[in-house]
Amino acid sequence: MTLTASDLKELELALADRLYVQVAGWHLYLGDAGLAQTLAIECAGRIDQGAQVCARQALEAVQVPIGGGATRMPLARLMPAGQLRDLEEVLEPFCR
């Protein structure tokens, strides 16, 4: 199963407003951080694996530049644990 362009955009918009990275108690939503599209693309490539596997693998695959790009860190390390379940919930309708 592959996502259509409109499904991919719908997924991106859902991720942009619901998921965030947390740094020093601050929440930065993925749409504001410019990471929603990248995560949506990573998820689209794994959507056949189911929501749980897709979510975990996509969060590890997205590398976030830190400190002007000198260092890169997996998105999974910047998100609170509860955000993983939120991502799985967003992905579930796309996995059917």
PDB file of N, CA and C in Angstrom:
ATOM      1  N   MET A   1       0.842  -1.182   0.000  1.00  0.00           N
ATOM      2  CA  MET A   1       0.000   0.000   0.000  1.00  0.00           C
ATOM      3  C   MET A   1       0.884   1.242   0.000  1.00  0.00           C
ATOM      4  N   THR A   2       0.550   2.167  -0.862  1.00  0.00           N
ATOM      5  CA  THR A   2       1.257   3.446  -0.886  1.00  0.00           C
ATOM      6  C   THR A   2       0.243   4.564  -0.677  1.00  0.00           C
ATOM      7  N   LEU A   3       0.714   5.651  -0.188  1.00  0.00           N
ATOM      8  CA  LEU A   3      -0.166   6.790   0.049  1.00  0.00           C
ATOM      9  C   LEU A   3      -0.234   7.661  -1.201  1.00  0.00           C
ATOM     10  N   THR A   4      -1.413   8.177  -1.480  1.00  0.00           N
ATOM     11  CA  THR A   4      -1.559   9.134  -2.571  1.00  0.00           C
ATOM     12  C   THR A   4      -0.974  10.472  -2.113  1.00  0.00           C
ATOM     13  N   ALA A   5      -0.802  11.366  -3.052  1.00  0.00           N
ATOM     14  CA  ALA A   5      -0.263  12.695  -2.706  1.00  0.00           C
ATOM     15  C   ALA A   5      -1.180  13.406  -1.716  1.00  0.00           C
ATOM     16  N   SER A   6      -2.486  13.272  -1.882  1.00  0.00           N
ATOM     17  CA  SER A   6      -3.404  13.933  -0.956  1.00  0.00           C
ATOM     18  C   SER A   6      -3.375  13.273   0.420  1.00  0.00           C
ATOM     19  N   ASP A   7      -3.210  11.934   0.465  1.00  0.00           N
ATOM     20  CA  ASP A   7      -3.080  11.247   1.756  1.00  0.00           C
ATOM     21  C   ASP A   7      -1.793  11.674   2.464  1.00  0.00           C
ATOM     22  N   LEU A   8      -0.717  11.808   1.696  1.00  0.00           N
ATOM     23  CA  LEU A   8       0.555  12.231   2.272  1.00  0.00           C
ATOM     24  C   LEU A   8       0.438  13.635   2.858  1.00  0.00           C
ATOM     25  N   LYS A   9      -0.224  14.523   2.150  1.00  0.00           N
ATOM     26  CA  LYS A   9      -0.431  15.892   2.648  1.00  0.00           C
ATOM     27  C   LYS A   9      -1.305  15.889   3.897  1.00  0.00           C
ATOM     28  N   GLU A  10      -2.346  15.053   3.889  1.00  0.00           N
ATOM     29  CA  GLU A  10      -3.227  14.934   5.057  1.00  0.00           C
ATOM     30  C   GLU A  10      -2.452  14.425   6.273  1.00  0.00           C
ATOM     31  N   LEU A  11      -1.578  13.447   6.045  1.00  0.00           N
ATOM     32  CA  LEU A  11      -0.744  12.925   7.125  1.00  0.00           C
ATOM     33  C   LEU A  11       0.196  14.010   7.642  1.00  0.00           C
ATOM     34  N   GLU A  12       0.811  14.730   6.734  1.00  0.00           N
ATOM     35  CA  GLU A  12       1.718  15.812   7.126  1.00  0.00           C
ATOM     36  C   GLU A  12       1.007  16.845   7.998  1.00  0.00           C
ATOM     37  N   LEU A  13      -0.183  17.239   7.607  1.00  0.00           N
ATOM     38  CA  LEU A  13      -0.936  18.235   8.380  1.00  0.00           C
ATOM     39  C   LEU A  13      -1.317  17.704   9.756  1.00  0.00           C
ATOM     40  N   ALA A  14      -1.680  16.431   9.823  1.00  0.00           N
ATOM     41  CA  ALA A  14      -2.028  15.827  11.115  1.00  0.00           C
ATOM     42  C   ALA A  14      -0.812  15.791  12.041  1.00  0.00           C
ATOM     43  N   LEU A  15       0.339  15.474  11.486  1.00  0.00           N
ATOM     44  CA  LEU A  15       1.566  15.421  12.291  1.00  0.00           C
ATOM     45  C   LEU A  15       1.997  16.812  12.744  1.00  0.00           C
ATOM     46  N   ALA A  16       1.826  17.792  11.877  1.00  0.00           N
ATOM     47  CA  ALA A  16       2.289  19.159  12.147  1.00  0.00           C
ATOM     48  C   ALA A  16       1.644  19.760  13.382  1.00  0.00           C
ATOM     49  N   ASP A  17       0.374  19.477  13.580  1.00  0.00           N
ATOM     50  CA  ASP A  17      -0.374  20.111  14.669  1.00  0.00           C
ATOM     51  C   ASP A  17      -0.473  19.272  15.936  1.00  0.00           C
ATOM     52  N   ARG A  18      -0.129  17.994  15.848  1.00  0.00           N
ATOM     53  CA  ARG A  18      -0.338  17.118  17.004  1.00  0.00           C
ATOM     54  C   ARG A  18       0.957  16.717  17.707  1.00  0.00           C
ATOM     55  N   LEU A  19       2.018  16.552  16.943  1.00  0.00           N
ATOM     56  CA  LEU A  19       3.271  16.060  17.519  1.00  0.00           C
ATOM     57  C   LEU A  19       4.263  17.191  17.752  1.00  0.00           C
ATOM     58  N   TYR A  20       5.076  17.039  18.776  1.00  0.00           N
ATOM     59  CA  TYR A  20       6.064  18.065  19.099  1.00  0.00           C
ATOM     60  C   TYR A  20       7.342  17.438  19.622  1.00  0.00           C
ATOM     61  N   VAL A  21       8.414  18.197  19.545  1.00  0.00           N
ATOM     62  CA  VAL A  21       9.655  17.847  20.235  1.00  0.00           C
ATOM     63  C   VAL A  21       9.655  18.649  21.534  1.00  0.00           C
ATOM     64  N   GLN A  22      10.333  18.112  22.525  1.00  0.00           N
ATOM     65  CA  GLN A  22      10.382  18.798  23.809  1.00  0.00           C
ATOM     66  C   GLN A  22      11.837  19.025  24.189  1.00  0.00           C
ATOM     67  N   VAL A  23      12.163  20.281  24.393  1.00  0.00           N
ATOM     68  CA  VAL A  23      13.521  20.654  24.796  1.00  0.00           C
ATOM     69  C   VAL A  23      13.406  21.598  25.990  1.00  0.00           C
ATOM     70  N   ALA A  24      13.998  21.202  27.091  1.00  0.00           N
ATOM     71  CA  ALA A  24      13.998  22.017  28.315  1.00  0.00           C
ATOM     72  C   ALA A  24      12.599  22.490  28.695  1.00  0.00           C
ATOM     73  N   GLY A  25      11.623  21.592  28.562  1.00  0.00           N
ATOM     74  CA  GLY A  25      10.258  21.919  28.938  1.00  0.00           C
ATOM     75  C   GLY A  25       9.469  22.671  27.881  1.00  0.00           C
ATOM     76  N   TRP A  26      10.109  23.040  26.798  1.00  0.00           N
ATOM     77  CA  TRP A  26       9.424  23.747  25.717  1.00  0.00           C
ATOM     78  C   TRP A  26       8.911  22.743  24.694  1.00  0.00           C
ATOM     79  N   HIS A  27       7.718  23.001  24.158  1.00  0.00           N
ATOM     80  CA  HIS A  27       7.144  22.165  23.105  1.00  0.00           C
ATOM     81  C   HIS A  27       7.259  22.906  21.782  1.00  0.00           C
ATOM     82  N   LEU A  28       7.877  22.268  20.813  1.00  0.00           N
ATOM     83  CA  LEU A  28       7.985  22.817  19.472  1.00  0.00           C
ATOM     84  C   LEU A  28       7.298  21.842  18.530  1.00  0.00           C
ATOM     85  N   TYR A  29       6.149  22.258  17.993  1.00  0.00           N
ATOM     86  CA  TYR A  29       5.367  21.380  17.126  1.00  0.00           C
ATOM     87  C   TYR A  29       6.112  21.123  15.829  1.00  0.00           C
ATOM     88  N   LEU A  30       5.935  19.914  15.293  1.00  0.00           N
ATOM     89  CA  LEU A  30       6.682  19.508  14.108  1.00  0.00           C
ATOM     90  C   LEU A  30       6.439  20.417  12.914  1.00  0.00           C
ATOM     91  N   GLY A  31       5.245  20.965  12.794  1.00  0.00           N
ATOM     92  CA  GLY A  31       4.965  21.898  11.708  1.00  0.00           C
ATOM     93  C   GLY A  31       5.810  23.153  11.829  1.00  0.00           C
ATOM     94  N   ASP A  32       5.942  23.655  13.043  1.00  0.00           N
ATOM     95  CA  ASP A  32       6.752  24.852  13.284  1.00  0.00           C
ATOM     96  C   ASP A  32       8.241  24.560  13.131  1.00  0.00           C
ATOM     97  N   ALA A  33       8.638  23.335  13.442  1.00  0.00           N
ATOM     98  CA  ALA A  33      10.050  22.954  13.357  1.00  0.00           C
ATOM     99  C   ALA A  33      10.462  22.550  11.943  1.00  0.00           C
ATOM    100  N   GLY A  34       9.490  22.441  11.042  1.00  0.00           N
ATOM    101  CA  GLY A  34       9.803  22.033   9.672  1.00  0.00           C
ATOM    102  C   GLY A  34      10.099  20.550   9.545  1.00  0.00           C
ATOM    103  N   LEU A  35       9.573  19.748  10.453  1.00  0.00           N
ATOM    104  CA  LEU A  35       9.848  18.311  10.461  1.00  0.00           C
ATOM    105  C   LEU A  35       8.649  17.454  10.070  1.00  0.00           C
ATOM    106  N   ALA A  36       7.477  18.045   9.948  1.00  0.00           N
ATOM    107  CA  ALA A  36       6.266  17.259   9.672  1.00  0.00           C
ATOM    108  C   ALA A  36       6.331  16.563   8.314  1.00  0.00           C
ATOM    109  N   GLN A  37       6.790  17.269   7.298  1.00  0.00           N
ATOM    110  CA  GLN A  37       6.846  16.667   5.965  1.00  0.00           C
ATOM    111  C   GLN A  37       7.856  15.516   5.925  1.00  0.00           C
ATOM    112  N   THR A  38       9.001  15.711   6.526  1.00  0.00           N
ATOM    113  CA  THR A  38      10.021  14.665   6.549  1.00  0.00           C
ATOM    114  C   THR A  38       9.510  13.425   7.261  1.00  0.00           C
ATOM    115  N   LEU A  39       8.849  13.609   8.396  1.00  0.00           N
ATOM    116  CA  LEU A  39       8.308  12.466   9.125  1.00  0.00           C
ATOM    117  C   LEU A  39       7.196  11.805   8.325  1.00  0.00           C
ATOM    118  N   ALA A  40       6.351  12.573   7.676  1.00  0.00           N
ATOM    119  CA  ALA A  40       5.269  12.002   6.859  1.00  0.00           C
ATOM    120  C   ALA A  40       5.837  11.138   5.738  1.00  0.00           C
ATOM    121  N   ILE A  41       6.894  11.597   5.100  1.00  0.00           N
ATOM    122  CA  ILE A  41       7.519  10.832   4.019  1.00  0.00           C
ATOM    123  C   ILE A  41       8.121   9.531   4.553  1.00  0.00           C
ATOM    124  N   GLU A  42       8.791   9.613   5.689  1.00  0.00           N
ATOM    125  CA  GLU A  42       9.357   8.401   6.303  1.00  0.00           C
ATOM    126  C   GLU A  42       8.262   7.410   6.679  1.00  0.00           C
ATOM    127  N   CYS A  43       7.161   7.919   7.212  1.00  0.00           N
ATOM    128  CA  CYS A  43       6.041   7.051   7.577  1.00  0.00           C
ATOM    129  C   CYS A  43       5.411   6.420   6.338  1.00  0.00           C
ATOM    130  N   ALA A  44       5.265   7.199   5.290  1.00  0.00           N
ATOM    131  CA  ALA A  44       4.647   6.688   4.056  1.00  0.00           C
ATOM    132  C   ALA A  44       5.439   5.508   3.502  1.00  0.00           C
ATOM    133  N   GLY A  45       6.741   5.539   3.625  1.00  0.00           N
ATOM    134  CA  GLY A  45       7.571   4.452   3.139  1.00  0.00           C
ATOM    135  C   GLY A  45       7.491   3.189   3.967  1.00  0.00           C
ATOM    136  N   ARG A  46       6.911   3.282   5.155  1.00  0.00           N
ATOM    137  CA  ARG A  46       6.828   2.139   6.069  1.00  0.00           C
ATOM    138  C   ARG A  46       5.391   1.775   6.435  1.00  0.00           C
ATOM    139  N   ILE A  47       4.433   2.410   5.821  1.00  0.00           N
ATOM    140  CA  ILE A  47       3.023   2.286   6.222  1.00  0.00           C
ATOM    141  C   ILE A  47       2.516   0.842   6.164  1.00  0.00           C
ATOM    142  N   ASP A  48       3.101   0.018   5.284  1.00  0.00           N
ATOM    143  CA  ASP A  48       2.689  -1.384   5.154  1.00  0.00           C
ATOM    144  C   ASP A  48       3.048  -2.221   6.377  1.00  0.00           C
ATOM    145  N   GLN A  49       3.926  -1.737   7.218  1.00  0.00           N
ATOM    146  CA  GLN A  49       4.386  -2.502   8.369  1.00  0.00           C
ATOM    147  C   GLN A  49       3.484  -2.360   9.588  1.00  0.00           C
ATOM    148  N   GLY A  50       2.458  -1.556   9.483  1.00  0.00           N
ATOM    149  CA  GLY A  50       1.557  -1.326  10.609  1.00  0.00           C
ATOM    150  C   GLY A  50       1.961  -0.092  11.389  1.00  0.00           C
ATOM    151  N   ALA A  51       1.024   0.454  12.123  1.00  0.00           N
ATOM    152  CA  ALA A  51       1.224   1.731  12.805  1.00  0.00           C
ATOM    153  C   ALA A  51       2.354   1.699  13.825  1.00  0.00           C
ATOM    154  N   GLN A  52       2.446   0.639  14.617  1.00  0.00           N
ATOM    155  CA  GLN A  52       3.458   0.606  15.679  1.00  0.00           C
ATOM    156  C   GLN A  52       4.871   0.531  15.120  1.00  0.00           C
ATOM    157  N   VAL A  53       5.098  -0.378  14.192  1.00  0.00           N
ATOM    158  CA  VAL A  53       6.434  -0.529  13.604  1.00  0.00           C
ATOM    159  C   VAL A  53       6.783   0.705  12.789  1.00  0.00           C
ATOM    160  N   CYS A  54       5.830   1.173  12.015  1.00  0.00           N
ATOM    161  CA  CYS A  54       6.032   2.356  11.177  1.00  0.00           C
ATOM    162  C   CYS A  54       6.445   3.558  12.034  1.00  0.00           C
ATOM    163  N   ALA A  55       5.735   3.784  13.119  1.00  0.00           N
ATOM    164  CA  ALA A  55       6.010   4.935  13.989  1.00  0.00           C
ATOM    165  C   ALA A  55       7.419   4.867  14.567  1.00  0.00           C
ATOM    166  N   ARG A  56       7.773   3.725  15.121  1.00  0.00           N
ATOM    167  CA  ARG A  56       9.095   3.581  15.754  1.00  0.00           C
ATOM    168  C   ARG A  56      10.221   3.750  14.744  1.00  0.00           C
ATOM    169  N   GLN A  57      10.093   3.094  13.603  1.00  0.00           N
ATOM    170  CA  GLN A  57      11.169   3.156  12.607  1.00  0.00           C
ATOM    171  C   GLN A  57      11.290   4.542  11.993  1.00  0.00           C
ATOM    172  N   ALA A  58      10.170   5.185  11.720  1.00  0.00           N
ATOM    173  CA  ALA A  58      10.216   6.518  11.121  1.00  0.00           C
ATOM    174  C   ALA A  58      10.836   7.537  12.076  1.00  0.00           C
ATOM    175  N   LEU A  59      10.500   7.457  13.360  1.00  0.00           N
ATOM    176  CA  LEU A  59      11.077   8.389  14.337  1.00  0.00           C
ATOM    177  C   LEU A  59      12.586   8.203  14.472  1.00  0.00           C
ATOM    178  N   GLU A  60      13.063   6.984  14.320  1.00  0.00           N
ATOM    179  CA  GLU A  60      14.507   6.735  14.365  1.00  0.00           C
ATOM    180  C   GLU A  60      15.186   7.191  13.081  1.00  0.00           C
ATOM    181  N   ALA A  61      14.477   7.108  11.958  1.00  0.00           N
ATOM    182  CA  ALA A  61      15.066   7.433  10.657  1.00  0.00           C
ATOM    183  C   ALA A  61      15.227   8.933  10.432  1.00  0.00           C
ATOM    184  N   VAL A  62      14.321   9.726  10.996  1.00  0.00           N
ATOM    185  CA  VAL A  62      14.401  11.178  10.797  1.00  0.00           C
ATOM    186  C   VAL A  62      15.513  11.726  11.682  1.00  0.00           C
ATOM    187  N   GLN A  63      16.525  12.274  11.045  1.00  0.00           N
ATOM    188  CA  GLN A  63      17.674  12.835  11.749  1.00  0.00           C
ATOM    189  C   GLN A  63      17.517  14.353  11.821  1.00  0.00           C
ATOM    190  N   VAL A  64      17.475  14.887  13.036  1.00  0.00           N
ATOM    191  CA  VAL A  64      17.250  16.307  13.269  1.00  0.00           C
ATOM    192  C   VAL A  64      18.590  17.003  13.479  1.00  0.00           C
ATOM    193  N   PRO A  65      18.889  18.019  12.673  1.00  0.00           N
ATOM    194  CA  PRO A  65      20.144  18.754  12.876  1.00  0.00           C
ATOM    195  C   PRO A  65      20.070  19.597  14.158  1.00  0.00           C
ATOM    196  N   ILE A  66      21.120  19.512  14.947  1.00  0.00           N
ATOM    197  CA  ILE A  66      21.212  20.236  16.216  1.00  0.00           C
ATOM    198  C   ILE A  66      22.446  21.130  16.154  1.00  0.00           C
ATOM    199  N   GLY A  67      22.354  22.303  16.737  1.00  0.00           N
ATOM    200  CA  GLY A  67      23.511  23.197  16.809  1.00  0.00           C
ATOM    201  C   GLY A  67      24.014  23.629  15.443  1.00  0.00           C
ATOM    202  N   GLY A  68      23.091  24.051  14.585  1.00  0.00           N
ATOM    203  CA  GLY A  68      23.484  24.518  13.258  1.00  0.00           C
ATOM    204  C   GLY A  68      23.864  23.403  12.312  1.00  0.00           C
ATOM    205  N   GLY A  69      23.506  22.173  12.652  1.00  0.00           N
ATOM    206  CA  GLY A  69      23.779  21.041  11.778  1.00  0.00           C
ATOM    207  C   GLY A  69      25.056  20.302  12.103  1.00  0.00           C
ATOM    208  N   ALA A  70      25.785  20.759  13.107  1.00  0.00           N
ATOM    209  CA  ALA A  70      27.039  20.099  13.476  1.00  0.00           C
ATOM    210  C   ALA A  70      26.784  18.689  14.011  1.00  0.00           C
ATOM    211  N   THR A  71      25.636  18.492  14.610  1.00  0.00           N
ATOM    212  CA  THR A  71      25.247  17.203  15.172  1.00  0.00           C
ATOM    213  C   THR A  71      23.855  16.859  14.682  1.00  0.00           C
ATOM    214  N   ARG A  72      23.598  15.577  14.505  1.00  0.00           N
ATOM    215  CA  ARG A  72      22.268  15.117  14.117  1.00  0.00           C
ATOM    216  C   ARG A  72      21.800  14.096  15.153  1.00  0.00           C
ATOM    217  N   MET A  73      20.508  14.143  15.455  1.00  0.00           N
ATOM    218  CA  MET A  73      19.941  13.263  16.463  1.00  0.00           C
ATOM    219  C   MET A  73      18.630  12.692  15.937  1.00  0.00           C
ATOM    220  N   PRO A  74      18.343  11.412  16.215  1.00  0.00           N
ATOM    221  CA  PRO A  74      17.059  10.858  15.791  1.00  0.00           C
ATOM    222  C   PRO A  74      15.901  11.616  16.453  1.00  0.00           C
ATOM    223  N   LEU A  75      14.872  11.852  15.683  1.00  0.00           N
ATOM    224  CA  LEU A  75      13.687  12.541  16.196  1.00  0.00           C
ATOM    225  C   LEU A  75      13.130  11.832  17.421  1.00  0.00           C
ATOM    226  N   ALA A  76      13.250  10.527  17.473  1.00  0.00           N
ATOM    227  CA  ALA A  76      12.735   9.748  18.605  1.00  0.00           C
ATOM    228  C   ALA A  76      13.317  10.219  19.935  1.00  0.00           C
ATOM    229  N   ARG A  77      14.525  10.708  19.946  1.00  0.00           N
ATOM    230  CA  ARG A  77      15.170  11.140  21.195  1.00  0.00           C
ATOM    231  C   ARG A  77      14.718  12.512  21.657  1.00  0.00           C
ATOM    232  N   LEU A  78      14.033  13.233  20.802  1.00  0.00           N
ATOM    233  CA  LEU A  78      13.585  14.582  21.147  1.00  0.00           C
ATOM    234  C   LEU A  78      12.105  14.647  21.513  1.00  0.00           C
ATOM    235  N   MET A  79      11.421  13.516  21.404  1.00  0.00           N
ATOM    236  CA  MET A  79       9.986  13.493  21.666  1.00  0.00           C
ATOM    237  C   MET A  79       9.684  12.743  22.956  1.00  0.00           C
ATOM    238  N   PRO A  80       8.743  13.235  23.755  1.00  0.00           N
ATOM    239  CA  PRO A  80       8.322  12.504  24.950  1.00  0.00           C
ATOM    240  C   PRO A  80       7.694  11.168  24.556  1.00  0.00           C
ATOM    241  N   ALA A  81       7.743  10.205  25.452  1.00  0.00           N
ATOM    242  CA  ALA A  81       7.244   8.859  25.169  1.00  0.00           C
ATOM    243  C   ALA A  81       5.781   8.852  24.723  1.00  0.00           C
ATOM    244  N   GLY A  82       4.964   9.703  25.303  1.00  0.00           N
ATOM    245  CA  GLY A  82       3.541   9.746  24.954  1.00  0.00           C
ATOM    246  C   GLY A  82       3.293  10.143  23.506  1.00  0.00           C
ATOM    247  N   GLN A  83       4.252  10.834  22.923  1.00  0.00           N
ATOM    248  CA  GLN A  83       4.096  11.244  21.532  1.00  0.00           C
ATOM    249  C   GLN A  83       4.174  10.054  20.579  1.00  0.00           C
ATOM    250  N   LEU A  84       4.850   8.989  20.966  1.00  0.00           N
ATOM    251  CA  LEU A  84       4.899   7.789  20.142  1.00  0.00           C
ATOM    252  C   LEU A  84       3.492   7.221  19.961  1.00  0.00           C
ATOM    253  N   ARG A  85       2.751   7.149  21.054  1.00  0.00           N
ATOM    254  CA  ARG A  85       1.374   6.640  20.968  1.00  0.00           C
ATOM    255  C   ARG A  85       0.509   7.578  20.126  1.00  0.00           C
ATOM    256  N   ASP A  86       0.711   8.873  20.244  1.00  0.00           N
ATOM    257  CA  ASP A  86      -0.033   9.820  19.414  1.00  0.00           C
ATOM    258  C   ASP A  86       0.275   9.602  17.936  1.00  0.00           C
ATOM    259  N   LEU A  87       1.538   9.359  17.610  1.00  0.00           N
ATOM    260  CA  LEU A  87       1.907   9.090  16.224  1.00  0.00           C
ATOM    261  C   LEU A  87       1.238   7.815  15.740  1.00  0.00           C
ATOM    262  N   GLU A  88       1.242   6.781  16.556  1.00  0.00           N
ATOM    263  CA  GLU A  88       0.578   5.527  16.182  1.00  0.00           C
ATOM    264  C   GLU A  88      -0.905   5.764  15.898  1.00  0.00           C
ATOM    265  N   GLU A  89      -1.566   6.579  16.724  1.00  0.00           N
ATOM    266  CA  GLU A  89      -2.983   6.877  16.527  1.00  0.00           C
ATOM    267  C   GLU A  89      -3.214   7.633  15.221  1.00  0.00           C
ATOM    268  N   VAL A  90      -2.325   8.544  14.886  1.00  0.00           N
ATOM    269  CA  VAL A  90      -2.443   9.284  13.626  1.00  0.00           C
ATOM    270  C   VAL A  90      -2.270   8.333  12.446  1.00  0.00           C
ATOM    271  N   LEU A  91      -1.361   7.369  12.571  1.00  0.00           N
ATOM    272  CA  LEU A  91      -1.052   6.465  11.469  1.00  0.00           C
ATOM    273  C   LEU A  91      -2.098   5.371  11.243  1.00  0.00           C
ATOM    274  N   GLU A  92      -2.807   4.974  12.281  1.00  0.00           N
ATOM    275  CA  GLU A  92      -3.738   3.842  12.176  1.00  0.00           C
ATOM    276  C   GLU A  92      -4.699   3.929  10.997  1.00  0.00           C
ATOM    277  N   PRO A  93      -5.364   5.054  10.753  1.00  0.00           N
ATOM    278  CA  PRO A  93      -6.288   5.098   9.602  1.00  0.00           C
ATOM    279  C   PRO A  93      -5.581   4.936   8.248  1.00  0.00           C
ATOM    280  N   PHE A  94      -4.333   5.303   8.170  1.00  0.00           N
ATOM    281  CA  PHE A  94      -3.590   5.194   6.906  1.00  0.00           C
ATOM    282  C   PHE A  94      -3.093   3.775   6.666  1.00  0.00           C
ATOM    283  N   CYS A  95      -3.060   2.969   7.720  1.00  0.00           N
ATOM    284  CA  CYS A  95      -2.574   1.582   7.607  1.00  0.00           C
ATOM    285  C   CYS A  95      -3.662   0.615   7.177  1.00  0.00           C
ATOM    286  N   ARG A  96      -4.871   1.037   7.069  1.00  0.00           N
ATOM    287  CA  ARG A  96      -5.986   0.127   6.732  1.00  0.00           C
ATOM    288  C   ARG A  96      -6.178   0.002   5.270  1.00  0.00           C
TER     289      ARG A  96
END
